[in-house]
Amino acid sequence: MNKKLISIAFVVSLGGFLFGFDAGIISGVMSYASPEFNLSDIQSGWVVSSPSWAAMIAMLFSGRLSDKIGRKKMLLFVAFLYAISAVFSSLAWSYEILYIARMIGGLAFGAALVLAPMYIAEISTAENRGKLVSLQQLNIVFGFFAAFLSNYFFNKYNTSGETFLTDNNVWRWMLGVELLPALLYLVFLFFVPKSPRWLYLKEKIEEAKNVLHGIHGKIIADLEIASIEENIKSEKNKTPVQLKDLLKPTLRFILFVGLAVGIIQQITGINAVYFYATSIFKQTGIGTDAAFSSGVLLSTISVVFTFVAMYLIDRMGRRPLLLLGTAGVAISLLLCAYGFKQATYQLTQKKVSQFNFQGSQKLISLVDKVYDSDIDFKDDLKSLLGNRIYSKNDGVILEAATTINANLVLMGILGFIACFAFSLGPVMWVLLSELYPLKYRGLAIGVIAFVNSLISSIVQLIFPWELSNLGNALTFFIFGIIALIGFVIFIKILPETKGKSLEELENELLKSS
């Protein structure tokens, strides 16, 4: 695998880095932006989830639009949208502008998640396609890591009180810093070639051959050219695939498998944990500063275990990794639920006297009252302080009042992230690329990606409401039970695709009526 090919694939997959960065950065932003705009639980959920709703729209049209104008032009437009989103998010003067700006970013990463793997696959050879496409997932987790690290330092220098940062502007800097990688992505994309297979689609044969020779050298390029031209001949008389074709009796089983994996990947709450990591860690009473630093640990675990997945996926196989990972996810989430269930909350006279925020003395009426329900405790705090003041100071209040085994909850959260990172996260996309016959692959993956994104959007939207109305313990218990159900379903339906050609899989998996 030559360096030029790797560098092109890496540049294109930087769209995944920006997706991970945007997704990770919002967990710290909401600690400041939510009280700034006095947002309700649903409004906070909408700010966080709005990019995912926009991404679903982008997933529907970006692939076909790129057939018309080209992969490279679409990727350049994606990078431009990322930059615009970063600027207007950081300048947002209202709740409405904030979520609209984030939806622009959502259009970008929805398109990027479709276009980057497509482009990389079209410049790769069969032998290195899997490794190069996996760069996207690796870049996503690196984006999460960079975002949590950035949030940690912004929060650290804000709380020191010795810089220009304040509670009113620190979240704007958190969002605005995304402009830097977005501009780098835009600049680097000018140096990548057009997709050779798209050039063939547009009958620009000589240009396509020049691109292939420039990337691979003459010997490999000539083999790729022969393969592309043979494929074009075989596709000439084929009828176009329609959505209803996926419901054919021969495809129903593998469509069900793909949908099950796609739904379970998101409905167990992974993006609730990623997007609200800082808020979740605050619930353990470790304080705002420790919550931000725990986010860095979380993203580090994600990076490490993504490498583990890349190492094991062709050794252990897809089915064992998914089964082991899903079981670990269920156990970890139920461990979190148990930890939160044991928590109690009590404010003392000494603790209240140390608070220095507006209205803190109103909390004297709660002194020495013991709560075993986080819902009741937070409801009383909100009724006394109001939503805005509570949201701005929840970290310091919970740190003072919470008695909990924080290490147990942290262990559960990190276990969840680790198990997801070596199973449901990367393995899903590999499995989907193998389950479906070539003729139906693009359509089937597009449909499952749409459903996957829809579930993710709903989970992100309602998560703040769940914490406020169901409580920490019940919320994580529900996620854990869903993961357990998913594990049972996987035992019954998951096939193994490791070490088999796509033709062998097609013969094995297609069911006749």
Protein backbone atom coordinates (compact mmCIF):
# COMPACT_ATOMS: atom_id res chain seq x y z
CA MET A 1 0.00 0.00 0.00
CA ASN A 2 1.72 3.19 -1.19
CA LYS A 3 2.06 6.40 0.80
CA LYS A 4 0.13 8.50 -1.71
CA LEU A 5 -2.93 6.26 -1.44
CA ILE A 6 -2.78 6.33 2.37
CA SER A 7 -2.42 10.12 2.47
CA ILE A 8 -5.39 10.66 0.11
CA ALA A 9 -7.58 8.30 2.15
CA PHE A 10 -6.49 10.00 5.37
CA VAL A 11 -7.33 13.49 4.06
CA VAL A 12 -10.77 12.43 2.83
CA SER A 13 -11.54 10.65 6.11
CA LEU A 14 -10.85 13.87 8.05
CA GLY A 15 -14.58 14.46 7.60
CA GLY A 16 -14.94 11.72 10.21
CA PHE A 17 -12.57 13.60 12.52
CA LEU A 18 -14.77 16.71 12.25
CA PHE A 19 -17.87 14.62 12.97
CA GLY A 20 -16.25 13.20 16.11
CA PHE A 21 -14.97 16.63 17.12
CA ASP A 22 -18.39 18.25 16.74
CA ALA A 23 -20.09 15.40 18.60
CA GLY A 24 -17.59 15.49 21.46
CA ILE A 25 -17.37 19.25 21.83
CA ILE A 26 -21.08 19.69 22.54
CA SER A 27 -20.86 17.72 25.81
CA GLY A 28 -18.83 20.53 27.35
CA VAL A 29 -20.63 23.35 25.55
CA MET A 30 -24.04 22.56 27.05
CA SER A 31 -22.72 23.01 30.59
CA TYR A 32 -22.43 26.72 29.74
CA ALA A 33 -24.80 27.33 26.80
CA SER A 34 -27.83 25.75 28.48
CA PRO A 35 -27.94 28.23 31.40
CA GLU A 36 -26.89 31.07 29.05
CA PHE A 37 -30.11 30.65 27.05
CA ASN A 38 -32.13 29.18 29.98
CA LEU A 39 -32.97 26.06 27.98
CA SER A 40 -35.51 23.44 28.98
CA ASP A 41 -34.59 19.75 28.88
CA ILE A 42 -36.16 19.32 25.44
CA GLN A 43 -34.49 22.47 24.11
CA SER A 44 -31.11 21.24 25.36
CA GLY A 45 -31.81 17.90 23.73
CA TRP A 46 -32.69 19.64 20.47
CA VAL A 47 -29.44 21.65 20.39
CA VAL A 48 -27.48 18.42 20.87
CA SER A 49 -29.53 16.23 18.51
CA SER A 50 -30.36 18.73 15.74
CA PRO A 51 -27.21 17.89 13.69
CA SER A 52 -28.23 14.23 13.62
CA TRP A 53 -31.68 15.10 12.27
CA ALA A 54 -30.06 17.22 9.55
CA ALA A 55 -27.58 14.41 8.86
CA MET A 56 -30.44 12.07 7.97
CA ILE A 57 -31.51 14.45 5.20
CA ALA A 58 -27.95 14.68 3.89
CA MET A 59 -27.62 10.88 3.86
CA LEU A 60 -30.62 10.65 1.55
CA PHE A 61 -29.37 12.97 -1.19
CA SER A 62 -25.57 13.28 -0.88
CA GLY A 63 -24.71 10.02 -2.63
CA ARG A 64 -26.90 10.66 -5.66
CA LEU A 65 -25.88 14.32 -5.81
CA SER A 66 -22.24 13.26 -5.86
CA ASP A 67 -23.06 11.04 -8.87
CA LYS A 68 -23.99 14.21 -10.72
CA ILE A 69 -21.38 16.75 -9.63
CA GLY A 70 -18.59 14.52 -8.33
CA ARG A 71 -17.31 13.18 -5.00
CA LYS A 72 -14.55 15.79 -4.70
CA LYS A 73 -16.85 18.78 -5.25
CA MET A 74 -19.29 17.42 -2.69
CA LEU A 75 -16.50 16.88 -0.15
CA LEU A 76 -15.28 20.46 -0.67
CA PHE A 77 -18.83 21.66 -0.04
CA VAL A 78 -18.94 19.50 3.11
CA ALA A 79 -15.75 21.15 4.44
CA PHE A 80 -17.20 24.59 3.67
CA LEU A 81 -20.38 23.73 5.62
CA TYR A 82 -18.29 22.59 8.59
CA ALA A 83 -16.53 25.98 8.61
CA ILE A 84 -19.78 27.95 8.33
CA SER A 85 -21.30 25.89 11.16
CA ALA A 86 -18.31 26.55 13.44
CA VAL A 87 -18.46 30.32 12.85
CA PHE A 88 -22.19 30.77 13.38
CA SER A 89 -22.32 28.33 16.32
CA SER A 90 -19.67 30.36 18.13
CA LEU A 91 -21.43 33.66 17.34
CA ALA A 92 -24.95 32.39 18.12
CA TRP A 93 -26.98 35.17 19.73
CA SER A 94 -30.04 33.02 20.39
CA TYR A 95 -31.13 29.45 20.92
CA GLU A 96 -32.57 29.36 17.40
CA ILE A 97 -29.34 30.51 15.73
CA LEU A 98 -27.38 27.95 17.75
CA TYR A 99 -29.39 24.95 16.63
CA ILE A 100 -29.66 26.19 13.01
CA ALA A 101 -25.87 26.60 12.88
CA ARG A 102 -25.45 23.10 14.28
CA MET A 103 -27.90 21.71 11.73
CA ILE A 104 -25.66 23.14 8.98
CA GLY A 105 -22.85 21.10 10.54
CA GLY A 106 -25.20 18.12 10.61
CA LEU A 107 -25.71 18.37 6.85
CA ALA A 108 -21.92 18.29 6.54
CA PHE A 109 -21.24 15.24 8.65
CA GLY A 110 -24.25 13.33 7.28
CA ALA A 111 -22.84 13.78 3.79
CA ALA A 112 -19.27 13.06 4.95
CA LEU A 113 -20.24 9.73 6.55
CA VAL A 114 -21.62 8.61 3.17
CA LEU A 115 -19.14 10.24 0.78
CA ALA A 116 -15.81 9.53 2.48
CA PRO A 117 -16.14 5.70 2.52
CA MET A 118 -17.53 5.85 -1.03
CA TYR A 119 -14.59 7.90 -2.33
CA ILE A 120 -11.99 5.84 -0.46
CA ALA A 121 -13.47 2.60 -1.80
CA GLU A 122 -13.33 4.01 -5.33
CA ILE A 123 -9.61 4.84 -5.19
CA SER A 124 -8.60 1.63 -3.37
CA THR A 125 -7.82 -1.87 -4.53
CA ALA A 126 -9.70 -4.87 -3.15
CA GLU A 127 -6.72 -5.88 -0.98
CA ASN A 128 -6.52 -2.63 0.99
CA ARG A 129 -10.07 -1.32 0.82
CA GLY A 130 -11.11 -2.52 4.30
CA LYS A 131 -8.13 -1.00 6.08
CA LEU A 132 -8.44 2.33 4.26
CA VAL A 133 -12.20 2.64 4.81
CA SER A 134 -11.62 1.92 8.52
CA LEU A 135 -9.59 5.16 8.69
CA GLN A 136 -12.94 6.95 8.88
CA GLN A 137 -13.90 5.22 12.13
CA LEU A 138 -10.42 5.83 13.52
CA ASN A 139 -10.68 9.53 12.65
CA ILE A 140 -14.07 9.73 14.36
CA VAL A 141 -12.68 8.50 17.67
CA PHE A 142 -9.64 10.77 17.28
CA GLY A 143 -12.12 13.62 16.80
CA PHE A 144 -13.84 12.70 20.05
CA PHE A 145 -10.48 12.63 21.82
CA ALA A 146 -9.46 16.05 20.44
CA ALA A 147 -12.84 17.54 21.42
CA PHE A 148 -12.76 16.29 25.02
CA LEU A 149 -9.15 17.42 25.37
CA SER A 150 -10.05 20.86 23.97
CA ASN A 151 -13.04 21.14 26.33
CA TYR A 152 -10.87 20.17 29.28
CA PHE A 153 -8.34 22.94 28.64
CA PHE A 154 -10.96 25.58 27.89
CA ASN A 155 -12.78 24.73 31.14
CA LYS A 156 -9.50 24.64 33.08
CA TYR A 157 -8.40 28.10 31.94
CA ASN A 158 -11.91 29.49 32.39
CA THR A 159 -12.18 28.36 36.01
CA SER A 160 -8.69 29.69 36.81
CA GLY A 161 -10.12 33.22 36.48
CA GLU A 162 -6.82 34.51 35.06
CA THR A 163 -7.68 34.62 31.34
CA PHE A 164 -10.14 36.36 29.02
CA LEU A 165 -12.41 33.31 29.27
CA THR A 166 -15.66 33.58 31.24
CA ASP A 167 -18.74 31.41 31.71
CA ASN A 168 -20.45 33.62 29.12
CA ASN A 169 -17.89 33.18 26.33
CA VAL A 170 -16.00 29.93 26.99
CA TRP A 171 -18.58 27.81 25.17
CA ARG A 172 -18.27 30.07 22.12
CA TRP A 173 -14.54 29.37 21.99
CA MET A 174 -15.22 25.66 22.39
CA LEU A 175 -17.43 25.74 19.30
CA GLY A 176 -15.33 28.22 17.33
CA VAL A 177 -12.12 26.21 17.55
CA GLU A 178 -13.68 23.70 15.13
CA LEU A 179 -13.06 26.29 12.40
CA LEU A 180 -9.34 25.39 12.37
CA PRO A 181 -9.64 21.69 11.39
CA ALA A 182 -12.52 22.58 9.02
CA LEU A 183 -10.32 25.04 7.11
CA LEU A 184 -7.43 22.56 7.03
CA TYR A 185 -9.81 19.91 5.66
CA LEU A 186 -10.99 22.35 2.98
CA VAL A 187 -7.43 23.23 1.92
CA PHE A 188 -6.19 19.62 1.88
CA LEU A 189 -9.12 18.49 -0.27
CA PHE A 190 -7.95 20.68 -3.13
CA PHE A 191 -4.93 18.37 -3.44
CA VAL A 192 -6.85 15.08 -3.72
CA PRO A 193 -7.78 13.80 -7.20
CA LYS A 194 -11.26 13.22 -8.53
CA SER A 195 -12.64 9.72 -8.06
CA PRO A 196 -11.49 7.59 -11.02
CA ARG A 197 -14.66 5.53 -10.96
CA TRP A 198 -16.78 8.68 -11.02
CA LEU A 199 -14.71 9.90 -13.99
CA TYR A 200 -15.53 6.62 -15.74
CA LEU A 201 -19.19 7.20 -14.90
CA LYS A 202 -18.93 10.56 -16.68
CA GLU A 203 -17.02 8.94 -19.59
CA LYS A 204 -13.85 10.92 -18.88
CA ILE A 205 -11.78 7.83 -19.55
CA GLU A 206 -8.33 9.32 -20.11
CA GLU A 207 -8.56 11.50 -16.99
CA ALA A 208 -9.64 8.48 -14.95
CA LYS A 209 -6.69 6.44 -16.23
CA ASN A 210 -4.28 9.25 -15.40
CA VAL A 211 -5.63 9.42 -11.82
CA LEU A 212 -5.26 5.64 -11.36
CA HIS A 213 -1.74 5.65 -12.74
CA GLY A 214 -0.84 8.58 -10.48
CA ILE A 215 -2.12 6.78 -7.37
CA HIS A 216 -1.14 3.15 -7.99
CA GLY A 217 1.54 3.07 -10.65
CA LYS A 218 1.18 1.38 -14.04
CA ILE A 219 0.90 -2.32 -13.08
CA ILE A 220 -1.79 -2.03 -10.40
CA ALA A 221 -3.56 0.79 -12.27
CA ASP A 222 -3.90 -1.36 -15.41
CA LEU A 223 -5.49 -4.13 -13.33
CA GLU A 224 -7.92 -1.64 -11.79
CA ILE A 225 -8.75 -0.21 -15.22
CA ALA A 226 -9.53 -3.69 -16.55
CA SER A 227 -11.72 -4.40 -13.52
CA ILE A 228 -13.64 -1.13 -13.87
CA GLU A 229 -14.25 -1.63 -17.59
CA GLU A 230 -15.41 -5.21 -17.04
CA ASN A 231 -17.80 -4.00 -14.36
CA ILE A 232 -19.18 -1.29 -16.66
CA LYS A 233 -19.94 -3.92 -19.31
CA SER A 234 -21.72 -6.18 -16.85
CA GLU A 235 -23.82 -3.32 -15.44
CA LYS A 236 -25.06 -2.01 -18.79
CA ASN A 237 -28.18 -4.15 -19.09
CA LYS A 238 -29.10 -4.33 -15.39
CA THR A 239 -32.32 -2.74 -14.23
CA PRO A 240 -32.00 -0.08 -11.52
CA VAL A 241 -32.63 -1.18 -7.93
CA GLN A 242 -35.71 0.18 -6.15
CA LEU A 243 -36.49 0.47 -2.44
CA LYS A 244 -39.21 -2.19 -2.61
CA ASP A 245 -36.63 -4.70 -3.85
CA LEU A 246 -35.21 -4.92 -0.33
CA LEU A 247 -38.46 -6.58 0.78
CA LYS A 248 -38.04 -9.52 -1.55
CA PRO A 249 -38.25 -12.87 0.30
CA THR A 250 -34.63 -13.63 -0.61
CA LEU A 251 -33.41 -10.46 1.13
CA ARG A 252 -35.69 -10.27 4.17
CA PHE A 253 -33.44 -12.17 6.57
CA ILE A 254 -30.27 -10.17 5.89
CA LEU A 255 -32.28 -6.92 5.88
CA PHE A 256 -33.59 -7.85 9.34
CA VAL A 257 -30.07 -8.66 10.55
CA GLY A 258 -28.75 -5.31 9.31
CA LEU A 259 -31.64 -3.34 10.81
CA ALA A 260 -31.28 -5.17 14.14
CA VAL A 261 -27.57 -4.33 14.35
CA GLY A 262 -28.17 -0.74 13.20
CA ILE A 263 -30.92 -0.13 15.77
CA ILE A 264 -29.20 -1.84 18.72
CA GLN A 265 -25.98 0.07 18.04
CA GLN A 266 -27.74 3.37 18.83
CA ILE A 267 -30.69 2.48 21.08
CA THR A 268 -28.33 1.33 23.86
CA GLY A 269 -27.39 4.99 24.34
CA ILE A 270 -23.86 5.38 22.99
CA ASN A 271 -24.45 8.89 21.66
CA ALA A 272 -26.23 9.90 24.85
CA VAL A 273 -23.01 9.05 26.70
CA TYR A 274 -20.71 10.70 24.15
CA PHE A 275 -22.81 13.84 23.63
CA TYR A 276 -23.69 14.32 27.33
CA ALA A 277 -20.52 12.90 28.91
CA THR A 278 -19.78 15.99 31.01
CA SER A 279 -23.36 16.15 32.32
CA ILE A 280 -23.34 12.43 33.17
CA PHE A 281 -20.07 12.68 35.09
CA LYS A 282 -21.46 15.67 37.00
CA GLN A 283 -24.30 13.45 38.22
CA THR A 284 -21.76 11.38 40.15
CA GLY A 285 -20.85 14.42 42.24
CA ILE A 286 -17.20 14.53 41.15
CA GLY A 287 -17.48 18.23 40.24
CA THR A 288 -17.29 20.15 36.99
CA ASP A 289 -13.49 20.09 36.62
CA ALA A 290 -13.27 16.34 37.19
CA ALA A 291 -16.22 15.80 34.82
CA PHE A 292 -14.29 17.50 32.00
CA SER A 293 -11.11 15.50 32.71
CA SER A 294 -13.13 12.26 32.82
CA GLY A 295 -14.29 13.07 29.30
CA VAL A 296 -10.66 12.95 28.15
CA LEU A 297 -10.28 9.52 29.78
CA LEU A 298 -13.47 8.34 28.07
CA SER A 299 -12.27 9.38 24.61
CA THR A 300 -8.83 7.82 25.22
CA ILE A 301 -10.50 4.49 26.01
CA SER A 302 -12.49 4.82 22.79
CA VAL A 303 -9.34 5.30 20.71
CA VAL A 304 -7.49 2.40 22.35
CA PHE A 305 -10.32 -0.10 21.89
CA THR A 306 -10.95 0.96 18.31
CA PHE A 307 -7.38 -0.18 17.61
CA VAL A 308 -8.25 -3.42 19.45
CA ALA A 309 -11.20 -3.91 17.09
CA MET A 310 -9.02 -3.32 14.02
CA TYR A 311 -6.58 -5.95 15.30
CA LEU A 312 -9.18 -8.59 16.25
CA ILE A 313 -11.87 -8.27 13.59
CA ASP A 314 -10.16 -10.54 11.05
CA ARG A 315 -8.81 -12.87 13.75
CA MET A 316 -11.79 -13.47 16.05
CA GLY A 317 -14.51 -12.74 13.53
CA ARG A 318 -17.54 -10.42 13.48
CA ARG A 319 -19.99 -12.55 15.45
CA PRO A 320 -17.77 -13.19 18.53
CA LEU A 321 -16.80 -9.51 18.76
CA LEU A 322 -20.41 -8.34 18.54
CA LEU A 323 -21.64 -10.91 21.08
CA LEU A 324 -18.83 -10.23 23.54
CA GLY A 325 -19.14 -6.47 23.13
CA THR A 326 -22.94 -6.37 23.46
CA ALA A 327 -22.81 -8.52 26.61
CA GLY A 328 -20.19 -6.15 28.03
CA VAL A 329 -22.33 -3.13 27.13
CA ALA A 330 -25.32 -4.63 28.98
CA ILE A 331 -23.28 -5.45 32.10
CA SER A 332 -21.62 -2.01 32.12
CA LEU A 333 -24.90 -0.11 31.79
CA LEU A 334 -26.56 -2.16 34.52
CA LEU A 335 -23.52 -1.47 36.72
CA CYS A 336 -24.08 2.27 36.15
CA ALA A 337 -27.75 1.87 37.06
CA TYR A 338 -26.83 0.06 40.29
CA GLY A 339 -24.29 2.73 41.21
CA PHE A 340 -26.74 5.57 40.69
CA LYS A 341 -29.49 3.68 42.55
CA GLN A 342 -27.33 3.57 45.71
CA ALA A 343 -26.73 7.34 45.68
CA THR A 344 -28.07 9.69 48.36
CA TYR A 345 -28.14 13.49 48.41
CA GLN A 346 -27.81 15.79 51.43
CA LEU A 347 -26.78 19.42 51.82
CA THR A 348 -25.21 20.56 55.10
CA GLN A 349 -25.09 24.02 56.64
CA LYS A 350 -21.32 24.13 56.08
CA LYS A 351 -21.60 23.24 52.40
CA VAL A 352 -24.36 25.76 51.72
CA SER A 353 -22.38 28.53 53.42
CA GLN A 354 -19.49 27.86 51.01
CA PHE A 355 -21.61 28.43 47.91
CA ASN A 356 -21.11 31.88 46.38
CA PHE A 357 -23.59 31.93 43.52
CA GLN A 358 -26.75 34.01 43.29
CA GLY A 359 -29.59 32.70 45.46
CA SER A 360 -27.48 30.04 47.18
CA GLN A 361 -28.83 30.98 50.61
CA LYS A 362 -32.28 29.77 49.51
CA LEU A 363 -30.86 26.26 49.87
CA ILE A 364 -30.79 26.58 53.67
CA SER A 365 -34.34 25.19 53.68
CA LEU A 366 -32.93 21.89 52.35
CA VAL A 367 -30.15 21.56 54.94
CA ASP A 368 -29.86 18.07 56.48
CA LYS A 369 -32.74 16.72 54.40
CA VAL A 370 -31.69 13.33 52.97
CA TYR A 371 -32.84 12.34 49.49
CA ASP A 372 -32.55 8.88 47.99
CA SER A 373 -34.01 10.08 44.68
CA ASP A 374 -32.02 12.32 42.36
CA ILE A 375 -35.29 13.41 40.72
CA ASP A 376 -36.77 14.75 43.97
CA PHE A 377 -33.50 16.45 44.93
CA LYS A 378 -33.08 18.20 41.58
CA ASP A 379 -36.76 19.19 41.45
CA ASP A 380 -36.46 20.90 44.84
CA LEU A 381 -33.26 22.66 43.72
CA LYS A 382 -34.91 23.94 40.55
CA SER A 383 -37.99 25.17 42.41
CA LEU A 384 -35.79 27.16 44.80
CA LEU A 385 -33.15 28.47 42.39
CA GLY A 386 -34.88 28.46 39.03
CA ASN A 387 -33.73 26.47 36.02
CA ARG A 388 -31.08 28.94 34.83
CA ILE A 389 -29.18 29.24 38.14
CA TYR A 390 -29.46 25.51 38.82
CA SER A 391 -28.15 24.60 35.35
CA LYS A 392 -25.19 26.94 35.77
CA ASN A 393 -24.24 25.56 39.20
CA ASP A 394 -25.41 21.93 39.13
CA GLY A 395 -21.84 20.61 39.17
CA VAL A 396 -20.84 22.36 42.40
CA ILE A 397 -24.17 21.56 44.11
CA LEU A 398 -24.09 17.87 43.22
CA GLU A 399 -20.43 17.66 44.26
CA ALA A 400 -21.37 19.03 47.68
CA ALA A 401 -24.48 16.92 48.20
CA THR A 402 -23.90 13.55 46.54
CA THR A 403 -22.85 10.41 48.35
CA ILE A 404 -22.16 7.77 45.72
CA ASN A 405 -19.61 5.20 44.67
CA ALA A 406 -18.38 7.38 41.78
CA ASN A 407 -15.70 4.84 40.83
CA LEU A 408 -18.37 2.20 40.26
CA VAL A 409 -20.28 4.47 37.87
CA LEU A 410 -17.07 5.57 36.15
CA MET A 411 -16.12 1.90 35.72
CA GLY A 412 -19.51 1.24 34.15
CA ILE A 413 -19.27 4.21 31.75
CA LEU A 414 -15.73 3.36 30.65
CA GLY A 415 -16.65 -0.33 30.33
CA PHE A 416 -19.56 0.66 28.11
CA ILE A 417 -17.30 2.80 25.89
CA ALA A 418 -14.62 0.09 25.66
CA CYS A 419 -17.08 -2.67 24.78
CA PHE A 420 -18.82 -0.50 22.21
CA ALA A 421 -15.52 0.60 20.65
CA PHE A 422 -14.38 -2.95 19.85
CA SER A 423 -17.78 -4.26 18.77
CA LEU A 424 -20.94 -2.34 17.87
CA GLY A 425 -19.03 0.77 16.75
CA PRO A 426 -16.70 -0.43 13.98
CA VAL A 427 -17.95 -3.99 13.40
CA MET A 428 -21.42 -2.87 12.32
CA TRP A 429 -20.11 -1.11 9.20
CA VAL A 430 -17.86 -4.01 8.26
CA LEU A 431 -20.73 -6.46 8.67
CA LEU A 432 -23.09 -4.34 6.58
CA SER A 433 -20.55 -4.12 3.75
CA GLU A 434 -20.44 -7.95 3.64
CA LEU A 435 -24.07 -8.99 4.14
CA TYR A 436 -25.62 -7.66 0.94
CA PRO A 437 -25.16 -8.61 -2.71
CA LEU A 438 -23.33 -5.96 -4.74
CA LYS A 439 -26.48 -4.98 -6.61
CA TYR A 440 -28.36 -4.09 -3.39
CA ARG A 441 -25.46 -3.07 -1.15
CA GLY A 442 -25.62 0.70 -1.58
CA LEU A 443 -29.38 0.91 -1.14
CA ALA A 444 -29.48 -1.47 1.84
CA ILE A 445 -26.67 0.31 3.70
CA GLY A 446 -28.29 3.68 2.96
CA VAL A 447 -31.62 2.55 4.45
CA ILE A 448 -29.97 1.07 7.55
CA ALA A 449 -27.78 4.17 8.00
CA PHE A 450 -30.92 6.32 7.87
CA VAL A 451 -32.67 4.22 10.54
CA ASN A 452 -29.48 4.17 12.62
CA SER A 453 -29.27 7.98 12.48
CA LEU A 454 -32.98 8.34 13.31
CA ILE A 455 -32.60 6.23 16.47
CA SER A 456 -29.49 8.19 17.44
CA SER A 457 -31.35 11.49 17.01
CA ILE A 458 -34.26 10.36 19.19
CA VAL A 459 -31.93 9.08 21.93
CA GLN A 460 -30.00 12.38 21.99
CA LEU A 461 -33.21 14.45 21.99
CA ILE A 462 -34.91 12.78 24.94
CA PHE A 463 -31.87 11.97 27.11
CA PRO A 464 -31.97 15.22 29.20
CA TRP A 465 -35.71 14.66 29.72
CA GLU A 466 -35.03 11.09 30.84
CA LEU A 467 -32.47 12.21 33.44
CA SER A 468 -34.89 14.83 34.80
CA ASN A 469 -38.04 12.72 34.80
CA LEU A 470 -36.91 9.09 35.09
CA GLY A 471 -33.70 9.66 37.02
CA ASN A 472 -30.15 8.47 36.49
CA ALA A 473 -30.65 4.90 37.70
CA LEU A 474 -33.79 4.09 35.68
CA THR A 475 -32.38 5.71 32.52
CA PHE A 476 -29.27 3.53 32.57
CA PHE A 477 -31.29 0.48 33.63
CA ILE A 478 -33.47 0.86 30.52
CA PHE A 479 -30.39 1.13 28.30
CA GLY A 480 -28.91 -1.95 29.98
CA ILE A 481 -32.04 -4.06 29.52
CA ILE A 482 -32.24 -3.05 25.85
CA ALA A 483 -28.60 -4.14 25.41
CA LEU A 484 -29.41 -7.46 27.11
CA ILE A 485 -32.33 -8.00 24.71
CA GLY A 486 -30.01 -7.12 21.84
CA PHE A 487 -27.51 -9.74 23.03
CA VAL A 488 -30.23 -12.44 22.98
CA ILE A 489 -31.34 -11.37 19.48
CA PHE A 490 -27.74 -11.46 18.23
CA ILE A 491 -27.23 -15.00 19.55
CA LYS A 492 -30.16 -16.15 17.43
CA ILE A 493 -29.61 -14.24 14.18
CA LEU A 494 -25.98 -13.14 13.72
CA PRO A 495 -24.10 -14.94 10.95
CA GLU A 496 -20.31 -15.14 10.75
CA THR A 497 -18.83 -13.47 7.67
CA LYS A 498 -15.11 -13.76 8.44
CA GLY A 499 -12.92 -15.46 5.87
CA LYS A 500 -15.67 -15.96 3.27
CA SER A 501 -15.86 -14.43 -0.17
CA LEU A 502 -18.77 -12.15 -0.96
CA GLU A 503 -20.05 -14.79 -3.41
CA GLU A 504 -19.99 -17.49 -0.69
CA LEU A 505 -21.86 -15.19 1.69
CA GLU A 506 -24.43 -14.40 -0.98
CA ASN A 507 -25.14 -18.12 -1.51
CA GLU A 508 -25.33 -18.79 2.25
CA LEU A 509 -27.41 -15.82 3.38
CA LEU A 510 -29.98 -15.26 0.67
CA LYS A 511 -33.16 -17.06 1.72
CA SER A 512 -35.64 -18.36 -0.78
CA SER A 513 -39.35 -17.96 -0.24
